[in-house]
């Protein structure tokens, strides 16, 4: 569970960086597309904050057989966010 929380926290950090990049792009270009990306990244950031909190708060309620799936979801999302950040740069 600690690894799932760690990767959810890394997702929050990557999403904060993406929010900064999208805000900078929006400010410079005044285009609407980065505004949509800002909205998307904001919602995903909120989802990861809630996920990390729920993993910590509800650890006793998760069965041992569920933990590998929660970790896999967090790791895959981290990989996708890193790829999205790379493409954005």
C-alpha atoms as a PDB file:
ATOM      1  CA  UNK A   1       0.000   0.000   0.000  1.00  0.00           C
ATOM      2  CA  UNK A   2       2.913   2.329   0.718  1.00  0.00           C
ATOM      3  CA  UNK A   3       4.069   2.032  -2.894  1.00  0.00           C
ATOM      4  CA  UNK A   4       0.587   2.836  -4.199  1.00  0.00           C
ATOM      5  CA  UNK A   5       0.492   5.944  -2.000  1.00  0.00           C
ATOM      6  CA  UNK A   6       3.993   6.891  -3.179  1.00  0.00           C
ATOM      7  CA  UNK A   7       3.053   6.613  -6.845  1.00  0.00           C
ATOM      8  CA  UNK A   8      -0.188   8.526  -6.294  1.00  0.00           C
ATOM      9  CA  UNK A   9       1.882  11.256  -4.648  1.00  0.00           C
ATOM     10  CA  UNK A  10       4.301  11.240  -7.598  1.00  0.00           C
ATOM     11  CA  UNK A  11       1.283  11.604  -9.879  1.00  0.00           C
ATOM     12  CA  UNK A  12       0.249  14.688  -7.911  1.00  0.00           C
ATOM     13  CA  UNK A  13       3.720  16.189  -8.384  1.00  0.00           C
ATOM     14  CA  UNK A  14       3.756  15.477 -12.131  1.00  0.00           C
ATOM     15  CA  UNK A  15       0.244  16.899 -12.499  1.00  0.00           C
ATOM     16  CA  UNK A  16       1.240  20.066 -10.634  1.00  0.00           C
ATOM     17  CA  UNK A  17       4.070  20.460 -13.136  1.00  0.00           C
ATOM     18  CA  UNK A  18       1.678  19.915 -16.021  1.00  0.00           C
ATOM     19  CA  UNK A  19      -0.702  22.515 -14.588  1.00  0.00           C
ATOM     20  CA  UNK A  20       2.166  24.989 -14.494  1.00  0.00           C
ATOM     21  CA  UNK A  21       3.136  24.210 -18.094  1.00  0.00           C
ATOM     22  CA  UNK A  22      -0.443  24.427 -19.354  1.00  0.00           C
ATOM     23  CA  UNK A  23      -1.030  27.692 -17.502  1.00  0.00           C
ATOM     24  CA  UNK A  24       2.124  29.151 -19.043  1.00  0.00           C
ATOM     25  CA  UNK A  25       1.081  28.004 -22.517  1.00  0.00           C
ATOM     26  CA  UNK A  26      -2.411  29.441 -22.003  1.00  0.00           C
ATOM     27  CA  UNK A  27      -1.016  32.759 -20.822  1.00  0.00           C
ATOM     28  CA  UNK A  28       1.341  33.071 -23.780  1.00  0.00           C
ATOM     29  CA  UNK A  29      -0.918  31.830 -26.572  1.00  0.00           C
ATOM     30  CA  UNK A  30      -4.387  32.854 -25.360  1.00  0.00           C
ATOM     31  CA  UNK A  31      -5.673  29.706 -27.104  1.00  0.00           C
ATOM     32  CA  UNK A  32      -8.594  27.631 -25.851  1.00  0.00           C
ATOM     33  CA  UNK A  33      -6.988  24.194 -26.219  1.00  0.00           C
ATOM     34  CA  UNK A  34      -4.594  24.647 -23.264  1.00  0.00           C
ATOM     35  CA  UNK A  35      -7.559  25.781 -21.156  1.00  0.00           C
ATOM     36  CA  UNK A  36      -9.118  22.374 -21.753  1.00  0.00           C
ATOM     37  CA  UNK A  37      -5.828  20.742 -20.780  1.00  0.00           C
ATOM     38  CA  UNK A  38      -5.762  22.852 -17.616  1.00  0.00           C
ATOM     39  CA  UNK A  39      -9.245  21.639 -16.736  1.00  0.00           C
ATOM     40  CA  UNK A  40      -8.294  18.019 -17.456  1.00  0.00           C
ATOM     41  CA  UNK A  41      -5.102  18.205 -15.387  1.00  0.00           C
ATOM     42  CA  UNK A  42      -6.952  19.920 -12.523  1.00  0.00           C
ATOM     43  CA  UNK A  43      -9.557  17.176 -12.320  1.00  0.00           C
ATOM     44  CA  UNK A  44      -6.904  14.489 -12.544  1.00  0.00           C
ATOM     45  CA  UNK A  45      -4.940  16.229  -9.793  1.00  0.00           C
ATOM     46  CA  UNK A  46      -8.007  16.244  -7.535  1.00  0.00           C
ATOM     47  CA  UNK A  47      -8.623  12.576  -8.305  1.00  0.00           C
ATOM     48  CA  UNK A  48      -5.056  11.665  -7.334  1.00  0.00           C
ATOM     49  CA  UNK A  49      -5.244  13.678  -4.123  1.00  0.00           C
ATOM     50  CA  UNK A  50      -8.428  11.853  -3.145  1.00  0.00           C
ATOM     51  CA  UNK A  51      -6.893   8.522  -4.159  1.00  0.00           C
ATOM     52  CA  UNK A  52      -3.751   9.047  -2.062  1.00  0.00           C
ATOM     53  CA  UNK A  53      -5.858  10.117   0.915  1.00  0.00           C
ATOM     54  CA  UNK A  54      -8.218   7.162   0.569  1.00  0.00           C
ATOM     55  CA  UNK A  55      -5.304   4.729   0.333  1.00  0.00           C
ATOM     56  CA  UNK A  56      -3.923   6.087   3.607  1.00  0.00           C
ATOM     57  CA  UNK A  57      -7.245   6.411   5.417  1.00  0.00           C
ATOM     58  CA  UNK A  58      -8.779   3.133   4.268  1.00  0.00           C
ATOM     59  CA  UNK A  59      -5.765   0.813   4.320  1.00  0.00           C
ATOM     60  CA  UNK A  60      -7.340  -1.511   6.929  1.00  0.00           C
ATOM     61  CA  UNK A  61     -10.353  -2.054   4.691  1.00  0.00           C
ATOM     62  CA  UNK A  62      -8.405  -3.180   1.611  1.00  0.00           C
ATOM     63  CA  UNK A  63      -7.727  -6.887   1.330  1.00  0.00           C
ATOM     64  CA  UNK A  64      -4.221  -8.124   0.587  1.00  0.00           C
ATOM     65  CA  UNK A  65      -5.344  -9.483  -2.785  1.00  0.00           C
ATOM     66  CA  UNK A  66      -6.414  -6.004  -3.895  1.00  0.00           C
ATOM     67  CA  UNK A  67      -3.088  -4.259  -3.255  1.00  0.00           C
ATOM     68  CA  UNK A  68      -1.254  -5.344  -6.446  1.00  0.00           C
ATOM     69  CA  UNK A  69      -4.089  -3.963  -8.562  1.00  0.00           C
ATOM     70  CA  UNK A  70      -4.082  -0.602  -6.771  1.00  0.00           C
ATOM     71  CA  UNK A  71      -0.316  -0.360  -7.229  1.00  0.00           C
ATOM     72  CA  UNK A  72      -0.560  -1.310 -10.904  1.00  0.00           C
ATOM     73  CA  UNK A  73      -3.148   1.388 -11.543  1.00  0.00           C
ATOM     74  CA  UNK A  74      -0.972   4.042  -9.874  1.00  0.00           C
ATOM     75  CA  UNK A  75       2.191   2.950 -11.713  1.00  0.00           C
ATOM     76  CA  UNK A  76       0.453   2.889 -15.104  1.00  0.00           C
ATOM     77  CA  UNK A  77      -1.022   6.328 -14.507  1.00  0.00           C
ATOM     78  CA  UNK A  78       2.423   7.611 -13.538  1.00  0.00           C
ATOM     79  CA  UNK A  79       3.857   6.242 -16.788  1.00  0.00           C
ATOM     80  CA  UNK A  80       1.118   7.914 -18.805  1.00  0.00           C
ATOM     81  CA  UNK A  81       1.621  11.233 -17.051  1.00  0.00           C
ATOM     82  CA  UNK A  82       5.381  11.124 -17.595  1.00  0.00           C
ATOM     83  CA  UNK A  83       4.775  10.434 -21.299  1.00  0.00           C
ATOM     84  CA  UNK A  84       2.277  13.309 -21.473  1.00  0.00           C
ATOM     85  CA  UNK A  85       4.765  15.618 -19.770  1.00  0.00           C
ATOM     86  CA  UNK A  86       7.489  14.594 -22.215  1.00  0.00           C
ATOM     87  CA  UNK A  87       5.222  15.288 -25.185  1.00  0.00           C
ATOM     88  CA  UNK A  88       4.212  18.650 -23.711  1.00  0.00           C
ATOM     89  CA  UNK A  89       7.809  19.764 -23.305  1.00  0.00           C
END
